[in-house]
Every structure is written in structure tokens, then in C-alpha cells.
Amino acid sequence: MVHADILNTLKPKFADDRGWQDFLVFLDSHKVRGSATELWLQWEIHLLKKQAATNGWKPVARRYAAPERLSGASIFQ
């Protein structure tokens, strides 16, 4: 388990208890270890992978692109 002092430094980054609980479940289920920075980076990578899987991002020239990018629609209008 991750040290309590590391968890105490990360808890303020979450706006609600649900996000915090999801983070704790992620740490436990993926056996994540390291410093606060390493834990946070692994959490962000996990969220990006989850977002890519649910939003239909596709690999284009060895990089991932959103469906809007593939269709030529600008998301920054």
C-alpha cells in the first residue's frame, strides 16, 4: 500500500469523494507504487487511456487522433 503521507499530498487534487475513491481503487488494482509525482502521472496515463478507449481515438501515423481531427472538423472554433 502507498504511504499515507503520499496519499495526503494527493487528496487535495480531487474535487469530490468519488474521484478520490476511483483513484484509490486504481492504486490498489494496478499495484501502483512510487512517489506522489509518479502516482499522479500513472493516474493521468490511466485516464488518458480510458478516454481514448471510450471516445474512439484512432492511431494515425503512429499517433492518436480524435474523430474530429480525422474528419477535418475544427474543435477550436
PDB file of N, CA and C in Angstrom:
ATOM      1  N   MET A   1       0.842  -1.188   0.000  1.00  0.00           N
ATOM      2  CA  MET A   1       0.000   0.000   0.000  1.00  0.00           C
ATOM      3  C   MET A   1       0.878   1.238   0.000  1.00  0.00           C
ATOM      4  N   VAL A   2       0.377   2.280  -0.580  1.00  0.00           N
ATOM      5  CA  VAL A   2       1.091   3.546  -0.672  1.00  0.00           C
ATOM      6  C   VAL A   2       1.111   4.204   0.702  1.00  0.00           C
ATOM      7  N   HIS A   3       2.204   4.890   1.012  1.00  0.00           N
ATOM      8  CA  HIS A   3       2.326   5.566   2.293  1.00  0.00           C
ATOM      9  C   HIS A   3       1.253   6.641   2.464  1.00  0.00           C
ATOM     10  N   ALA A   4       0.769   6.771   3.685  1.00  0.00           N
ATOM     11  CA  ALA A   4      -0.312   7.718   3.991  1.00  0.00           C
ATOM     12  C   ALA A   4       0.098   9.157   3.711  1.00  0.00           C
ATOM     13  N   ASP A   5       1.369   9.507   3.947  1.00  0.00           N
ATOM     14  CA  ASP A   5       1.801  10.893   3.703  1.00  0.00           C
ATOM     15  C   ASP A   5       1.753  11.238   2.218  1.00  0.00           C
ATOM     16  N   ILE A   6       2.034  10.273   1.364  1.00  0.00           N
ATOM     17  CA  ILE A   6       1.937  10.495  -0.085  1.00  0.00           C
ATOM     18  C   ILE A   6       0.474  10.687  -0.477  1.00  0.00           C
ATOM     19  N   LEU A   7      -0.410   9.859   0.069  1.00  0.00           N
ATOM     20  CA  LEU A   7      -1.832   9.984  -0.228  1.00  0.00           C
ATOM     21  C   LEU A   7      -2.385  11.324   0.255  1.00  0.00           C
ATOM     22  N   ASN A   8      -1.914  11.782   1.413  1.00  0.00           N
ATOM     23  CA  ASN A   8      -2.374  13.072   1.938  1.00  0.00           C
ATOM     24  C   ASN A   8      -1.978  14.232   1.039  1.00  0.00           C
ATOM     25  N   THR A   9      -0.860  14.120   0.326  1.00  0.00           N
ATOM     26  CA  THR A   9      -0.462  15.202  -0.586  1.00  0.00           C
ATOM     27  C   THR A   9      -1.288  15.191  -1.861  1.00  0.00           C
ATOM     28  N   LEU A  10      -1.835  14.026  -2.239  1.00  0.00           N
ATOM     29  CA  LEU A  10      -2.600  13.918  -3.479  1.00  0.00           C
ATOM     30  C   LEU A  10      -4.095  14.165  -3.306  1.00  0.00           C
ATOM     31  N   LYS A  11      -4.623  13.958  -2.120  1.00  0.00           N
ATOM     32  CA  LYS A  11      -6.069  14.085  -1.901  1.00  0.00           C
ATOM     33  C   LYS A  11      -6.624  15.464  -2.278  1.00  0.00           C
ATOM     34  N   PRO A  12      -5.933  16.577  -2.002  1.00  0.00           N
ATOM     35  CA  PRO A  12      -6.491  17.889  -2.377  1.00  0.00           C
ATOM     36  C   PRO A  12      -6.672  18.093  -3.888  1.00  0.00           C
ATOM     37  N   LYS A  13      -6.069  17.256  -4.717  1.00  0.00           N
ATOM     38  CA  LYS A  13      -6.211  17.391  -6.167  1.00  0.00           C
ATOM     39  C   LYS A  13      -7.585  16.943  -6.666  1.00  0.00           C
ATOM     40  N   PHE A  14      -8.360  16.288  -5.811  1.00  0.00           N
ATOM     41  CA  PHE A  14      -9.659  15.763  -6.201  1.00  0.00           C
ATOM     42  C   PHE A  14     -10.769  16.653  -5.654  1.00  0.00           C
ATOM     43  N   ALA A  15     -11.697  17.002  -6.529  1.00  0.00           N
ATOM     44  CA  ALA A  15     -12.794  17.899  -6.162  1.00  0.00           C
ATOM     45  C   ALA A  15     -13.879  17.183  -5.356  1.00  0.00           C
ATOM     46  N   ASP A  16     -14.017  15.876  -5.560  1.00  0.00           N
ATOM     47  CA  ASP A  16     -15.083  15.154  -4.859  1.00  0.00           C
ATOM     48  C   ASP A  16     -14.585  13.797  -4.369  1.00  0.00           C
ATOM     49  N   ASP A  17     -15.393  13.193  -3.508  1.00  0.00           N
ATOM     50  CA  ASP A  17     -15.017  11.898  -2.935  1.00  0.00           C
ATOM     51  C   ASP A  17     -15.041  10.773  -3.956  1.00  0.00           C
ATOM     52  N   ARG A  18     -15.887  10.886  -4.966  1.00  0.00           N
ATOM     53  CA  ARG A  18     -15.960   9.821  -5.981  1.00  0.00           C
ATOM     54  C   ARG A  18     -14.640   9.722  -6.751  1.00  0.00           C
ATOM     55  N   GLY A  19     -14.102  10.852  -7.146  1.00  0.00           N
ATOM     56  CA  GLY A  19     -12.816  10.851  -7.839  1.00  0.00           C
ATOM     57  C   GLY A  19     -11.711  10.280  -6.975  1.00  0.00           C
ATOM     58  N   TRP A  20     -11.727  10.644  -5.698  1.00  0.00           N
ATOM     59  CA  TRP A  20     -10.728  10.142  -4.759  1.00  0.00           C
ATOM     60  C   TRP A  20     -10.847   8.625  -4.609  1.00  0.00           C
ATOM     61  N   GLN A  21     -12.071   8.121  -4.499  1.00  0.00           N
ATOM     62  CA  GLN A  21     -12.277   6.675  -4.375  1.00  0.00           C
ATOM     63  C   GLN A  21     -11.839   5.941  -5.636  1.00  0.00           C
ATOM     64  N   ASP A  22     -12.122   6.515  -6.800  1.00  0.00           N
ATOM     65  CA  ASP A  22     -11.666   5.915  -8.061  1.00  0.00           C
ATOM     66  C   ASP A  22     -10.147   5.834  -8.101  1.00  0.00           C
ATOM     67  N   PHE A  23      -9.487   6.881  -7.614  1.00  0.00           N
ATOM     68  CA  PHE A  23      -8.026   6.909  -7.563  1.00  0.00           C
ATOM     69  C   PHE A  23      -7.498   5.815  -6.641  1.00  0.00           C
ATOM     70  N   LEU A  24      -8.099   5.672  -5.469  1.00  0.00           N
ATOM     71  CA  LEU A  24      -7.654   4.644  -4.529  1.00  0.00           C
ATOM     72  C   LEU A  24      -7.852   3.238  -5.091  1.00  0.00           C
ATOM     73  N   VAL A  25      -8.969   3.022  -5.769  1.00  0.00           N
ATOM     74  CA  VAL A  25      -9.224   1.722  -6.400  1.00  0.00           C
ATOM     75  C   VAL A  25      -8.177   1.461  -7.483  1.00  0.00           C
ATOM     76  N   PHE A  26      -7.851   2.494  -8.267  1.00  0.00           N
ATOM     77  CA  PHE A  26      -6.820   2.357  -9.296  1.00  0.00           C
ATOM     78  C   PHE A  26      -5.484   1.965  -8.671  1.00  0.00           C
ATOM     79  N   LEU A  27      -5.092   2.655  -7.605  1.00  0.00           N
ATOM     80  CA  LEU A  27      -3.819   2.340  -6.952  1.00  0.00           C
ATOM     81  C   LEU A  27      -3.775   0.898  -6.489  1.00  0.00           C
ATOM     82  N   ASP A  28      -4.868   0.442  -5.890  1.00  0.00           N
ATOM     83  CA  ASP A  28      -4.907  -0.914  -5.364  1.00  0.00           C
ATOM     84  C   ASP A  28      -4.968  -1.960  -6.465  1.00  0.00           C
ATOM     85  N   SER A  29      -5.798  -1.732  -7.463  1.00  0.00           N
ATOM     86  CA  SER A  29      -5.984  -2.741  -8.505  1.00  0.00           C
ATOM     87  C   SER A  29      -4.790  -2.849  -9.447  1.00  0.00           C
ATOM     88  N   HIS A  30      -4.077  -1.754  -9.653  1.00  0.00           N
ATOM     89  CA  HIS A  30      -2.929  -1.785 -10.561  1.00  0.00           C
ATOM     90  C   HIS A  30      -1.597  -1.917  -9.831  1.00  0.00           C
ATOM     91  N   LYS A  31      -1.667  -2.046  -8.517  1.00  0.00           N
ATOM     92  CA  LYS A  31      -0.452  -2.212  -7.697  1.00  0.00           C
ATOM     93  C   LYS A  31       0.566  -1.101  -7.983  1.00  0.00           C
ATOM     94  N   VAL A  32       0.084   0.126  -8.033  1.00  0.00           N
ATOM     95  CA  VAL A  32       0.925   1.279  -8.357  1.00  0.00           C
ATOM     96  C   VAL A  32       1.783   1.634  -7.156  1.00  0.00           C
ATOM     97  N   ARG A  33       3.037   1.928  -7.409  1.00  0.00           N
ATOM     98  CA  ARG A  33       3.978   2.309  -6.357  1.00  0.00           C
ATOM     99  C   ARG A  33       4.812   3.493  -6.850  1.00  0.00           C
ATOM    100  N   GLY A  34       5.387   4.236  -5.918  1.00  0.00           N
ATOM    101  CA  GLY A  34       6.283   5.326  -6.270  1.00  0.00           C
ATOM    102  C   GLY A  34       6.003   6.568  -5.461  1.00  0.00           C
ATOM    103  N   SER A  35       6.621   7.655  -5.871  1.00  0.00           N
ATOM    104  CA  SER A  35       6.434   8.944  -5.209  1.00  0.00           C
ATOM    105  C   SER A  35       5.091   9.532  -5.616  1.00  0.00           C
ATOM    106  N   ALA A  36       4.735  10.653  -5.010  1.00  0.00           N
ATOM    107  CA  ALA A  36       3.468  11.311  -5.342  1.00  0.00           C
ATOM    108  C   ALA A  36       3.422  11.691  -6.818  1.00  0.00           C
ATOM    109  N   THR A  37       4.527  12.178  -7.347  1.00  0.00           N
ATOM    110  CA  THR A  37       4.580  12.561  -8.762  1.00  0.00           C
ATOM    111  C   THR A  37       4.382  11.357  -9.664  1.00  0.00           C
ATOM    112  N   GLU A  38       5.030  10.253  -9.338  1.00  0.00           N
ATOM    113  CA  GLU A  38       4.894   9.040 -10.145  1.00  0.00           C
ATOM    114  C   GLU A  38       3.469   8.498 -10.100  1.00  0.00           C
ATOM    115  N   LEU A  39       2.867   8.517  -8.919  1.00  0.00           N
ATOM    116  CA  LEU A  39       1.487   8.052  -8.796  1.00  0.00           C
ATOM    117  C   LEU A  39       0.556   8.916  -9.626  1.00  0.00           C
ATOM    118  N   TRP A  40       0.755  10.238  -9.546  1.00  0.00           N
ATOM    119  CA  TRP A  40      -0.112  11.155 -10.287  1.00  0.00           C
ATOM    120  C   TRP A  40       0.048  10.964 -11.792  1.00  0.00           C
ATOM    121  N   LEU A  41       1.274  10.785 -12.274  1.00  0.00           N
ATOM    122  CA  LEU A  41       1.496  10.562 -13.701  1.00  0.00           C
ATOM    123  C   LEU A  41       0.851   9.257 -14.169  1.00  0.00           C
ATOM    124  N   GLN A  42       0.962   8.212 -13.371  1.00  0.00           N
ATOM    125  CA  GLN A  42       0.339   6.940 -13.741  1.00  0.00           C
ATOM    126  C   GLN A  42      -1.178   7.075 -13.764  1.00  0.00           C
ATOM    127  N   TRP A  43      -1.740   7.852 -12.848  1.00  0.00           N
ATOM    128  CA  TRP A  43      -3.179   8.099 -12.827  1.00  0.00           C
ATOM    129  C   TRP A  43      -3.605   8.844 -14.094  1.00  0.00           C
ATOM    130  N   GLU A  44      -2.855   9.867 -14.477  1.00  0.00           N
ATOM    131  CA  GLU A  44      -3.184  10.629 -15.682  1.00  0.00           C
ATOM    132  C   GLU A  44      -3.078   9.767 -16.938  1.00  0.00           C
ATOM    133  N   ILE A  45      -2.078   8.910 -16.999  1.00  0.00           N
ATOM    134  CA  ILE A  45      -1.942   7.988 -18.127  1.00  0.00           C
ATOM    135  C   ILE A  45      -3.144   7.051 -18.175  1.00  0.00           C
ATOM    136  N   HIS A  46      -3.548   6.561 -17.024  1.00  0.00           N
ATOM    137  CA  HIS A  46      -4.724   5.684 -16.948  1.00  0.00           C
ATOM    138  C   HIS A  46      -5.965   6.411 -17.463  1.00  0.00           C
ATOM    139  N   LEU A  47      -6.166   7.658 -17.051  1.00  0.00           N
ATOM    140  CA  LEU A  47      -7.333   8.422 -17.503  1.00  0.00           C
ATOM    141  C   LEU A  47      -7.285   8.680 -19.006  1.00  0.00           C
ATOM    142  N   LEU A  48      -6.100   8.961 -19.545  1.00  0.00           N
ATOM    143  CA  LEU A  48      -5.971   9.182 -20.989  1.00  0.00           C
ATOM    144  C   LEU A  48      -6.273   7.913 -21.774  1.00  0.00           C
ATOM    145  N   LYS A  49      -5.794   6.773 -21.295  1.00  0.00           N
ATOM    146  CA  LYS A  49      -6.085   5.501 -21.966  1.00  0.00           C
ATOM    147  C   LYS A  49      -7.578   5.213 -21.930  1.00  0.00           C
ATOM    148  N   LYS A  50      -8.202   5.485 -20.783  1.00  0.00           N
ATOM    149  CA  LYS A  50      -9.640   5.268 -20.649  1.00  0.00           C
ATOM    150  C   LYS A  50     -10.413   6.194 -21.585  1.00  0.00           C
ATOM    151  N   GLN A  51      -9.980   7.442 -21.672  1.00  0.00           N
ATOM    152  CA  GLN A  51     -10.627   8.406 -22.562  1.00  0.00           C
ATOM    153  C   GLN A  51     -10.455   7.988 -24.020  1.00  0.00           C
ATOM    154  N   ALA A  52      -9.284   7.534 -24.379  1.00  0.00           N
ATOM    155  CA  ALA A  52      -9.034   7.108 -25.758  1.00  0.00           C
ATOM    156  C   ALA A  52      -9.905   5.920 -26.131  1.00  0.00           C
ATOM    157  N   ALA A  53     -10.110   5.019 -25.192  1.00  0.00           N
ATOM    158  CA  ALA A  53     -10.927   3.837 -25.469  1.00  0.00           C
ATOM    159  C   ALA A  53     -12.401   4.188 -25.618  1.00  0.00           C
ATOM    160  N   THR A  54     -12.870   5.161 -24.867  1.00  0.00           N
ATOM    161  CA  THR A  54     -14.302   5.485 -24.904  1.00  0.00           C
ATOM    162  C   THR A  54     -14.659   6.516 -25.962  1.00  0.00           C
ATOM    163  N   ASN A  55     -13.709   7.325 -26.400  1.00  0.00           N
ATOM    164  CA  ASN A  55     -14.014   8.386 -27.359  1.00  0.00           C
ATOM    165  C   ASN A  55     -13.675   8.022 -28.797  1.00  0.00           C
ATOM    166  N   GLY A  56     -13.237   6.815 -29.034  1.00  0.00           N
ATOM    167  CA  GLY A  56     -12.986   6.382 -30.393  1.00  0.00           C
ATOM    168  C   GLY A  56     -11.750   6.981 -31.032  1.00  0.00           C
ATOM    169  N   TRP A  57     -10.735   7.275 -30.253  1.00  0.00           N
ATOM    170  CA  TRP A  57      -9.489   7.794 -30.830  1.00  0.00           C
ATOM    171  C   TRP A  57      -8.845   6.694 -31.649  1.00  0.00           C
ATOM    172  N   LYS A  58      -8.289   7.052 -32.772  1.00  0.00           N
ATOM    173  CA  LYS A  58      -7.702   6.083 -33.688  1.00  0.00           C
ATOM    174  C   LYS A  58      -6.229   6.424 -33.943  1.00  0.00           C
ATOM    175  N   PRO A  59      -5.392   5.403 -34.110  1.00  0.00           N
ATOM    176  CA  PRO A  59      -3.991   5.681 -34.423  1.00  0.00           C
ATOM    177  C   PRO A  59      -3.848   6.178 -35.860  1.00  0.00           C
ATOM    178  N   VAL A  60      -3.158   7.294 -36.009  1.00  0.00           N
ATOM    179  CA  VAL A  60      -2.885   7.870 -37.323  1.00  0.00           C
ATOM    180  C   VAL A  60      -1.387   8.176 -37.369  1.00  0.00           C
ATOM    181  N   ALA A  61      -0.687   7.509 -38.261  1.00  0.00           N
ATOM    182  CA  ALA A  61       0.760   7.705 -38.402  1.00  0.00           C
ATOM    183  C   ALA A  61       1.461   7.549 -37.048  1.00  0.00           C
ATOM    184  N   ARG A  62       1.104   6.490 -36.330  1.00  0.00           N
ATOM    185  CA  ARG A  62       1.693   6.140 -35.039  1.00  0.00           C
ATOM    186  C   ARG A  62       1.375   7.147 -33.944  1.00  0.00           C
ATOM    187  N   ARG A  63       0.401   8.023 -34.147  1.00  0.00           N
ATOM    188  CA  ARG A  63      -0.077   8.937 -33.118  1.00  0.00           C
ATOM    189  C   ARG A  63      -1.579   8.782 -33.036  1.00  0.00           C
ATOM    190  N   TYR A  64      -2.152   9.162 -31.913  1.00  0.00           N
ATOM    191  CA  TYR A  64      -3.594   9.045 -31.752  1.00  0.00           C
ATOM    192  C   TYR A  64      -4.264  10.374 -32.071  1.00  0.00           C
ATOM    193  N   ALA A  65      -5.387  10.274 -32.762  1.00  0.00           N
ATOM    194  CA  ALA A  65      -6.128  11.464 -33.154  1.00  0.00           C
ATOM    195  C   ALA A  65      -7.600  11.270 -32.830  1.00  0.00           C
ATOM    196  N   ALA A  66      -8.239  12.361 -32.432  1.00  0.00           N
ATOM    197  CA  ALA A  66      -9.663  12.330 -32.125  1.00  0.00           C
ATOM    198  C   ALA A  66     -10.459  12.240 -33.419  1.00  0.00           C
ATOM    199  N   PRO A  67     -11.699  11.755 -33.350  1.00  0.00           N
ATOM    200  CA  PRO A  67     -12.537  11.666 -34.560  1.00  0.00           C
ATOM    201  C   PRO A  67     -12.702  13.012 -35.255  1.00  0.00           C
ATOM    202  N   GLU A  68     -12.746  14.109 -34.488  1.00  0.00           N
ATOM    203  CA  GLU A  68     -12.875  15.436 -35.089  1.00  0.00           C
ATOM    204  C   GLU A  68     -11.665  15.764 -35.968  1.00  0.00           C
ATOM    205  N   ARG A  69     -10.522  15.336 -35.527  1.00  0.00           N
ATOM    206  CA  ARG A  69      -9.292  15.584 -36.277  1.00  0.00           C
ATOM    207  C   ARG A  69      -9.297  14.793 -37.589  1.00  0.00           C
ATOM    208  N   LEU A  70      -9.782  13.560 -37.538  1.00  0.00           N
ATOM    209  CA  LEU A  70      -9.809  12.722 -38.725  1.00  0.00           C
ATOM    210  C   LEU A  70     -10.809  13.233 -39.751  1.00  0.00           C
ATOM    211  N   SER A  71     -11.916  13.818 -39.296  1.00  0.00           N
ATOM    212  CA  SER A  71     -12.941  14.299 -40.212  1.00  0.00           C
ATOM    213  C   SER A  71     -12.638  15.699 -40.723  1.00  0.00           C
ATOM    214  N   GLY A  72     -11.638  16.362 -40.176  1.00  0.00           N
ATOM    215  CA  GLY A  72     -11.290  17.707 -40.610  1.00  0.00           C
ATOM    216  C   GLY A  72     -12.067  18.796 -39.873  1.00  0.00           C
ATOM    217  N   ALA A  73     -12.956  18.428 -38.975  1.00  0.00           N
ATOM    218  CA  ALA A  73     -13.720  19.418 -38.224  1.00  0.00           C
ATOM    219  C   ALA A  73     -12.817  20.045 -37.154  1.00  0.00           C
ATOM    220  N   SER A  74     -12.910  21.335 -37.026  1.00  0.00           N
ATOM    221  CA  SER A  74     -12.109  22.026 -36.022  1.00  0.00           C
ATOM    222  C   SER A  74     -12.814  22.000 -34.689  1.00  0.00           C
ATOM    223  N   ILE A  75     -12.115  21.571 -33.657  1.00  0.00           N
ATOM    224  CA  ILE A  75     -12.698  21.568 -32.320  1.00  0.00           C
ATOM    225  C   ILE A  75     -12.405  22.887 -31.600  1.00  0.00           C
ATOM    226  N   PHE A  76     -11.611  23.757 -32.222  1.00  0.00           N
ATOM    227  CA  PHE A  76     -11.225  25.021 -31.604  1.00  0.00           C
ATOM    228  C   PHE A  76     -11.877  26.180 -32.310  1.00  0.00           C
ATOM    229  N   GLN A  77     -13.196  26.157 -32.413  1.00  0.00           N
ATOM    230  CA  GLN A  77     -13.899  27.249 -33.080  1.00  0.00           C
ATOM    231  C   GLN A  77     -14.549  28.144 -32.056  1.00  0.00           C
TER     232      GLN A  77
END
